[in-house]
Amino acid sequence: MRGRPRTLPSDFDTPNVHYRITYLLYICSNLPYPIMIAPFPLYVDEISPDKIKATVSNGGTIVYNLRTIALDTPFPVGFSNNNGISIIPIGKFICMLVKDSGNIGMILLDLTGKQALAEKMANRLTPVDLRDEFMNAYTKIISHPENHNRFRWVVGDAANRTY
């Protein structure tokens, strides 16, 4: 079947059940690429104690997360750059890519059911276009609750993960 390996990888006995299921589906399918099962993992450096904000600073992990997002998100989704900030609605999260002095960071916000906090956060953003973009992303998230279980946060580094 298209030259796929028929042996299990050496790390197959790891406790990462998601990886094992994905690999089994891949070798048993007729697809030329592996598939993933929701909820898709988004790797983060840390999660705030109130579980509202997660941050990513490692460039490799940011790229991995963007590739994971691209597997499930029909692009373009408003991937604009306003003052070095791009805002993307992803599942139940608002993803903010922030570029500052050559460094890039990713902030993921879980604001479902917290409209007052979302408005407060949006009001801190400048210019007004960025505020509108933030609230539009929030509106898209709230209006599509069927997508809220598509992604989950996983604390860790995605450096050794591949597709």
Protein backbone atom coordinates (compact mmCIF):
# COMPACT_ATOMS: atom_id res chain seq x y z
CA MET A 1 0.00 0.00 0.00
CA ARG A 2 2.03 2.90 -1.36
CA GLY A 3 5.23 1.85 0.36
CA ARG A 4 4.12 2.46 3.95
CA PRO A 5 6.13 0.78 6.67
CA ARG A 6 4.40 -2.29 8.06
CA THR A 7 6.42 -2.48 11.26
CA LEU A 8 5.61 -0.55 14.38
CA PRO A 9 7.93 2.35 15.25
CA SER A 10 10.33 1.88 18.14
CA ASP A 11 8.46 4.37 20.34
CA PHE A 12 5.10 2.64 19.80
CA ASP A 13 4.98 1.38 23.37
CA THR A 14 5.04 4.90 24.80
CA PRO A 15 2.01 6.03 26.82
CA ASN A 16 1.00 8.45 24.07
CA VAL A 17 -2.27 6.77 23.12
CA HIS A 18 -3.15 9.52 20.66
CA TYR A 19 -0.02 8.79 18.64
CA ARG A 20 -0.64 5.02 18.67
CA ILE A 21 -4.23 5.35 17.46
CA THR A 22 -3.22 7.83 14.76
CA TYR A 23 -0.44 5.54 13.56
CA LEU A 24 -2.72 2.49 13.42
CA LEU A 25 -5.31 4.42 11.43
CA TYR A 26 -2.58 5.64 9.09
CA ILE A 27 -1.13 2.22 8.27
CA CYS A 28 -4.62 0.70 7.88
CA SER A 29 -5.99 3.45 5.65
CA ASN A 30 -5.49 4.16 1.97
CA LEU A 31 -4.48 7.75 2.69
CA PRO A 32 -1.00 8.89 1.60
CA TYR A 33 -0.64 10.95 4.79
CA PRO A 34 -1.31 10.36 8.49
CA ILE A 35 -4.55 11.55 10.04
CA MET A 36 -5.19 12.97 13.48
CA ILE A 37 -8.14 12.51 15.77
CA ALA A 38 -9.73 15.47 17.57
CA PRO A 39 -9.05 16.95 20.02
CA PHE A 40 -5.81 17.97 18.37
CA PRO A 41 -2.97 18.79 20.79
CA LEU A 42 -1.63 22.34 20.90
CA TYR A 43 1.65 22.31 22.81
CA VAL A 44 2.20 25.20 25.21
CA ASP A 45 4.95 26.30 27.60
CA GLU A 46 2.60 27.16 30.43
CA ILE A 47 -1.06 27.54 31.30
CA SER A 48 -2.26 30.26 33.66
CA PRO A 49 -3.73 29.06 36.99
CA ASP A 50 -7.20 30.24 35.93
CA LYS A 51 -6.92 28.18 32.68
CA ILE A 52 -7.69 31.23 30.53
CA LYS A 53 -4.29 31.85 28.93
CA ALA A 54 -1.58 29.59 27.53
CA THR A 55 1.71 30.83 26.08
CA VAL A 56 4.23 29.42 23.62
CA SER A 57 7.66 30.95 23.03
CA ASN A 58 9.56 28.12 21.29
CA GLY A 59 9.60 28.71 17.53
CA GLY A 60 9.50 25.00 16.70
CA THR A 61 6.47 24.48 18.91
CA ILE A 62 4.72 27.46 17.31
CA VAL A 63 5.31 26.01 13.84
CA TYR A 64 4.06 22.59 15.00
CA ASN A 65 0.92 24.19 16.45
CA LEU A 66 0.27 26.14 13.25
CA ARG A 67 0.62 22.95 11.21
CA THR A 68 -1.77 21.18 13.59
CA ILE A 69 -4.24 24.05 13.28
CA ALA A 70 -3.94 23.92 9.48
CA LEU A 71 -5.02 20.26 9.49
CA ASP A 72 -8.43 21.21 10.80
CA THR A 73 -8.95 24.88 9.98
CA PRO A 74 -10.04 26.02 6.54
CA PHE A 75 -7.57 28.80 5.75
CA PRO A 76 -7.61 31.70 5.20
CA VAL A 77 -9.28 32.59 8.46
CA GLY A 78 -8.27 36.23 8.70
CA PHE A 79 -4.54 35.71 9.06
CA SER A 80 -3.76 39.41 8.97
CA ASN A 81 -0.91 41.20 10.65
CA ASN A 82 -1.83 44.36 12.55
CA ASN A 83 1.02 45.99 14.50
CA GLY A 84 2.83 42.65 14.66
CA ILE A 85 -0.24 40.80 16.00
CA SER A 86 -2.28 38.21 14.10
CA ILE A 87 -5.54 36.97 15.61
CA ILE A 88 -7.06 33.63 14.59
CA PRO A 89 -10.16 31.88 15.99
CA ILE A 90 -9.29 28.21 16.61
CA GLY A 91 -11.91 25.88 18.07
CA LYS A 92 -12.75 27.53 21.40
CA PHE A 93 -9.48 29.48 21.56
CA ILE A 94 -8.38 32.86 20.32
CA CYS A 95 -4.85 32.46 18.98
CA MET A 96 -2.69 35.56 18.95
CA LEU A 97 0.63 35.44 17.12
CA VAL A 98 2.77 38.28 18.39
CA LYS A 99 5.95 39.41 16.64
CA ASP A 100 8.14 41.82 18.58
CA SER A 101 11.73 42.76 17.74
CA GLY A 102 12.22 39.64 15.63
CA ASN A 103 10.86 37.31 18.31
CA ILE A 104 7.58 35.51 17.78
CA GLY A 105 5.22 34.23 20.44
CA MET A 106 1.86 32.54 20.56
CA ILE A 107 -0.87 33.29 23.07
CA LEU A 108 -3.93 31.08 23.28
CA LEU A 109 -6.96 32.39 25.15
CA ASP A 110 -9.97 30.39 26.33
CA LEU A 111 -12.67 33.02 26.77
CA THR A 112 -15.77 30.88 26.23
CA GLY A 113 -18.51 32.14 28.52
CA LYS A 114 -16.43 35.17 29.49
CA GLN A 115 -17.71 37.94 27.23
CA ALA A 116 -17.01 40.74 29.72
CA LEU A 117 -13.39 39.62 30.01
CA ALA A 118 -13.12 39.36 26.21
CA GLU A 119 -14.39 42.92 25.82
CA LYS A 120 -12.01 44.14 28.51
CA MET A 121 -9.06 42.46 26.79
CA ALA A 122 -10.11 43.82 23.40
CA ASN A 123 -10.27 47.36 24.78
CA ARG A 124 -6.58 47.12 25.76
CA LEU A 125 -5.58 46.53 22.15
CA THR A 126 -4.62 49.34 19.82
CA PRO A 127 -5.50 50.31 17.10
CA VAL A 128 -9.27 49.99 16.82
CA ASP A 129 -8.94 47.56 13.89
CA LEU A 130 -7.18 45.09 16.18
CA ARG A 131 -9.97 45.41 18.77
CA ASP A 132 -12.55 44.69 16.08
CA GLU A 133 -10.55 41.71 14.84
CA PHE A 134 -10.33 40.33 18.40
CA MET A 135 -14.07 40.67 18.97
CA ASN A 136 -14.84 39.19 15.53
CA ALA A 137 -12.72 36.16 16.44
CA TYR A 138 -14.55 35.90 19.78
CA THR A 139 -17.92 36.08 17.99
CA LYS A 140 -16.87 33.31 15.57
CA ILE A 141 -15.86 31.10 18.49
CA ILE A 142 -19.07 31.67 20.44
CA SER A 143 -21.26 31.15 17.37
CA HIS A 144 -19.70 27.73 16.63
CA PRO A 145 -19.84 25.63 19.82
CA GLU A 146 -19.57 22.48 17.70
CA ASN A 147 -15.86 23.32 17.22
CA HIS A 148 -15.06 23.76 20.91
CA ASN A 149 -13.70 20.22 21.32
CA ARG A 150 -11.36 20.34 18.32
CA PHE A 151 -8.19 21.38 20.16
CA ARG A 152 -6.71 20.94 23.63
CA TRP A 153 -3.70 22.35 25.42
CA VAL A 154 -0.79 20.07 26.28
CA VAL A 155 2.06 21.42 28.40
CA GLY A 156 5.33 20.43 26.77
CA ASP A 157 7.61 20.87 23.82
CA ALA A 158 6.67 19.68 20.33
CA ALA A 159 10.32 19.49 19.23
CA ASN A 160 10.29 15.71 18.75
CA ARG A 161 6.85 15.52 17.16
CA THR A 162 6.45 14.99 13.43
CA TYR A 163 3.54 14.41 11.10
